[in-house]
Amino acid sequence: QVQLVESGGGLVQAGGSLRLSCASSISIFNFAVMGWYRQAPGKQRDMVARIFSGGLTIYAESVKGRFTISRDNAKNIMYLQITSLKPEDTATYYCYARRIATNSESWGRGTQVTVSS
């Protein structure tokens, strides 16, 4: 069973920055894709950014230029660098991964990001 553990969330003022981390219990070389999703209260969970095994990255339009997804293969950690935070970025941020061998999906429990205006 894959475990994904997020960290790095918090309360920050608009315009500030955060770096979220997602630590995997297995080598991230096992994953075809990893990503970050977010869910605000009363809203659906939306994709924020994804990074594929070959290094390709994609972003939601609302975060392009402000968010950067990356990974450290040696540490088995994926990151989301967030800059120029806006109140509408307030949400619970979830880590996601899909395994190459089984196509199974795993989710973390989430980390809360709150942006004050």
C-alpha atoms as a PDB file:
ATOM      1  CA  GLN A   1       0.000   0.000   0.000  1.00  0.00           C
ATOM      2  CA  VAL A   2       1.449   3.317  -1.074  1.00  0.00           C
ATOM      3  CA  GLN A   3       1.441   6.083   1.479  1.00  0.00           C
ATOM      4  CA  LEU A   4       1.622   9.713   0.488  1.00  0.00           C
ATOM      5  CA  VAL A   5       2.091  12.305   3.215  1.00  0.00           C
ATOM      6  CA  GLU A   6       1.712  16.012   2.564  1.00  0.00           C
ATOM      7  CA  SER A   7       3.241  18.791   4.606  1.00  0.00           C
ATOM      8  CA  GLY A   8       4.023  22.482   4.366  1.00  0.00           C
ATOM      9  CA  GLY A   9       0.579  24.026   4.462  1.00  0.00           C
ATOM     10  CA  GLY A  10      -0.316  26.918   6.700  1.00  0.00           C
ATOM     11  CA  LEU A  11      -1.761  30.374   7.074  1.00  0.00           C
ATOM     12  CA  VAL A  12      -0.140  33.024   4.888  1.00  0.00           C
ATOM     13  CA  GLN A  13      -0.940  36.528   3.756  1.00  0.00           C
ATOM     14  CA  ALA A  14      -1.877  37.291   0.179  1.00  0.00           C
ATOM     15  CA  GLY A  15       1.230  37.687  -1.922  1.00  0.00           C
ATOM     16  CA  GLY A  16       3.168  35.240   0.198  1.00  0.00           C
ATOM     17  CA  SER A  17       4.749  31.909  -0.646  1.00  0.00           C
ATOM     18  CA  LEU A  18       4.689  28.337   0.546  1.00  0.00           C
ATOM     19  CA  ARG A  19       6.334  25.093  -0.422  1.00  0.00           C
ATOM     20  CA  LEU A  20       4.266  21.955  -0.102  1.00  0.00           C
ATOM     21  CA  SER A  21       5.896  18.549   0.101  1.00  0.00           C
ATOM     22  CA  CYS A  22       4.564  15.082  -0.614  1.00  0.00           C
ATOM     23  CA  ALA A  23       6.629  12.211   0.733  1.00  0.00           C
ATOM     24  CA  SER A  24       6.096   8.789  -0.801  1.00  0.00           C
ATOM     25  CA  SER A  25       6.552   5.477   1.025  1.00  0.00           C
ATOM     26  CA  ILE A  26       7.954   3.916  -2.159  1.00  0.00           C
ATOM     27  CA  SER A  27      10.318   5.086  -4.838  1.00  0.00           C
ATOM     28  CA  ILE A  28       8.664   7.690  -7.002  1.00  0.00           C
ATOM     29  CA  PHE A  29      10.164   5.953 -10.019  1.00  0.00           C
ATOM     30  CA  ASN A  30       7.185   3.613  -9.596  1.00  0.00           C
ATOM     31  CA  PHE A  31       4.777   6.349 -10.590  1.00  0.00           C
ATOM     32  CA  ALA A  32       3.658   7.223 -14.092  1.00  0.00           C
ATOM     33  CA  VAL A  33       2.349  10.517 -12.852  1.00  0.00           C
ATOM     34  CA  MET A  34       2.207  12.484  -9.626  1.00  0.00           C
ATOM     35  CA  GLY A  35       0.252  15.587  -8.949  1.00  0.00           C
ATOM     36  CA  TRP A  36      -1.358  18.123  -6.682  1.00  0.00           C
ATOM     37  CA  TYR A  37      -5.078  18.696  -6.403  1.00  0.00           C
ATOM     38  CA  ARG A  38      -6.995  21.106  -4.219  1.00  0.00           C
ATOM     39  CA  GLN A  39     -10.453  21.301  -2.777  1.00  0.00           C
ATOM     40  CA  ALA A  40     -12.092  24.348  -1.253  1.00  0.00           C
ATOM     41  CA  PRO A  41     -15.093  23.969   1.059  1.00  0.00           C
ATOM     42  CA  GLY A  42     -18.234  23.162  -0.903  1.00  0.00           C
ATOM     43  CA  LYS A  43     -16.351  22.745  -4.166  1.00  0.00           C
ATOM     44  CA  GLN A  44     -15.050  19.822  -6.178  1.00  0.00           C
ATOM     45  CA  ARG A  45     -11.461  18.646  -6.083  1.00  0.00           C
ATOM     46  CA  ASP A  46      -9.541  20.162  -8.968  1.00  0.00           C
ATOM     47  CA  MET A  47      -6.177  19.422 -10.528  1.00  0.00           C
ATOM     48  CA  VAL A  48      -3.540  22.031  -9.774  1.00  0.00           C
ATOM     49  CA  ALA A  49      -0.420  20.533 -11.326  1.00  0.00           C
ATOM     50  CA  ARG A  50       0.902  17.229 -12.579  1.00  0.00           C
ATOM     51  CA  ILE A  51       4.362  15.877 -13.284  1.00  0.00           C
ATOM     52  CA  PHE A  52       4.891  12.816 -15.447  1.00  0.00           C
ATOM     53  CA  SER A  53       7.654  10.255 -15.233  1.00  0.00           C
ATOM     54  CA  GLY A  54       9.419  11.761 -18.219  1.00  0.00           C
ATOM     55  CA  GLY A  55       9.433  15.174 -16.585  1.00  0.00           C
ATOM     56  CA  LEU A  56       6.542  16.783 -18.437  1.00  0.00           C
ATOM     57  CA  THR A  57       4.537  19.166 -16.270  1.00  0.00           C
ATOM     58  CA  ILE A  58       1.063  20.585 -16.704  1.00  0.00           C
ATOM     59  CA  TYR A  59      -0.742  23.248 -14.712  1.00  0.00           C
ATOM     60  CA  ALA A  60      -4.237  24.542 -14.220  1.00  0.00           C
ATOM     61  CA  GLU A  61      -4.665  27.886 -15.957  1.00  0.00           C
ATOM     62  CA  SER A  62      -5.404  29.605 -12.663  1.00  0.00           C
ATOM     63  CA  VAL A  63      -1.961  28.787 -11.248  1.00  0.00           C
ATOM     64  CA  LYS A  64       0.320  29.067 -14.277  1.00  0.00           C
ATOM     65  CA  GLY A  65       3.266  31.302 -13.566  1.00  0.00           C
ATOM     66  CA  ARG A  66       2.723  31.142  -9.799  1.00  0.00           C
ATOM     67  CA  PHE A  67       2.990  27.431  -8.956  1.00  0.00           C
ATOM     68  CA  THR A  68       5.861  25.097  -9.777  1.00  0.00           C
ATOM     69  CA  ILE A  69       5.738  21.341  -9.397  1.00  0.00           C
ATOM     70  CA  SER A  70       8.940  19.364  -9.029  1.00  0.00           C
ATOM     71  CA  ARG A  71      10.265  16.191  -7.511  1.00  0.00           C
ATOM     72  CA  ASP A  72      13.389  14.913  -5.811  1.00  0.00           C
ATOM     73  CA  ASN A  73      13.876  11.361  -7.032  1.00  0.00           C
ATOM     74  CA  ALA A  74      16.551  10.597  -4.466  1.00  0.00           C
ATOM     75  CA  LYS A  75      14.349  11.640  -1.538  1.00  0.00           C
ATOM     76  CA  ASN A  76      11.082  10.318  -3.006  1.00  0.00           C
ATOM     77  CA  ILE A  77       9.443  13.688  -2.462  1.00  0.00           C
ATOM     78  CA  MET A  78       7.327  15.818  -4.734  1.00  0.00           C
ATOM     79  CA  TYR A  79       7.038  19.549  -4.188  1.00  0.00           C
ATOM     80  CA  LEU A  80       4.709  22.366  -5.039  1.00  0.00           C
ATOM     81  CA  GLN A  81       6.265  25.805  -4.816  1.00  0.00           C
ATOM     82  CA  ILE A  82       3.525  28.380  -4.501  1.00  0.00           C
ATOM     83  CA  THR A  83       4.138  32.074  -4.937  1.00  0.00           C
ATOM     84  CA  SER A  84       1.972  35.192  -5.178  1.00  0.00           C
ATOM     85  CA  LEU A  85      -0.727  33.512  -3.131  1.00  0.00           C
ATOM     86  CA  LYS A  86      -4.278  34.745  -3.473  1.00  0.00           C
ATOM     87  CA  PRO A  87      -7.247  34.271  -1.129  1.00  0.00           C
ATOM     88  CA  GLU A  88      -8.859  32.066  -3.789  1.00  0.00           C
ATOM     89  CA  ASP A  89      -5.949  29.639  -3.400  1.00  0.00           C
ATOM     90  CA  THR A  90      -7.329  28.742   0.019  1.00  0.00           C
ATOM     91  CA  ALA A  91      -8.050  25.012  -0.006  1.00  0.00           C
ATOM     92  CA  THR A  92      -6.925  21.635   1.168  1.00  0.00           C
ATOM     93  CA  TYR A  93      -4.127  20.455  -1.105  1.00  0.00           C
ATOM     94  CA  TYR A  94      -3.853  16.761  -1.865  1.00  0.00           C
ATOM     95  CA  CYS A  95      -1.011  14.714  -3.260  1.00  0.00           C
ATOM     96  CA  TYR A  96      -1.813  12.137  -5.939  1.00  0.00           C
ATOM     97  CA  ALA A  97       0.120   9.359  -7.637  1.00  0.00           C
ATOM     98  CA  ARG A  98      -0.606   6.628 -10.162  1.00  0.00           C
ATOM     99  CA  ARG A  99       1.574   3.532 -10.314  1.00  0.00           C
ATOM    100  CA  ILE A 100       3.064   2.334 -13.580  1.00  0.00           C
ATOM    101  CA  ALA A 101       2.748  -1.397 -12.862  1.00  0.00           C
ATOM    102  CA  THR A 102      -0.830  -1.533 -11.595  1.00  0.00           C
ATOM    103  CA  ASN A 103      -2.361   1.759 -12.708  1.00  0.00           C
ATOM    104  CA  SER A 104      -3.602   2.100  -9.129  1.00  0.00           C
ATOM    105  CA  GLU A 105      -4.109   5.558  -7.692  1.00  0.00           C
ATOM    106  CA  SER A 106      -3.142   6.832  -4.278  1.00  0.00           C
ATOM    107  CA  TRP A 107      -4.013   9.991  -2.400  1.00  0.00           C
ATOM    108  CA  GLY A 108      -2.598  11.715   0.609  1.00  0.00           C
ATOM    109  CA  ARG A 109      -4.745  13.072   3.408  1.00  0.00           C
ATOM    110  CA  GLY A 110      -4.173  16.673   2.475  1.00  0.00           C
ATOM    111  CA  THR A 111      -2.578  19.801   3.887  1.00  0.00           C
ATOM    112  CA  GLN A 112      -4.497  23.003   4.490  1.00  0.00           C
ATOM    113  CA  VAL A 113      -3.479  26.252   2.839  1.00  0.00           C
ATOM    114  CA  THR A 114      -5.246  29.390   4.017  1.00  0.00           C
ATOM    115  CA  VAL A 115      -4.543  32.759   2.433  1.00  0.00           C
ATOM    116  CA  SER A 116      -5.673  35.889   4.229  1.00  0.00           C
ATOM    117  CA  SER A 117      -6.388  39.108   2.351  1.00  0.00           C
END
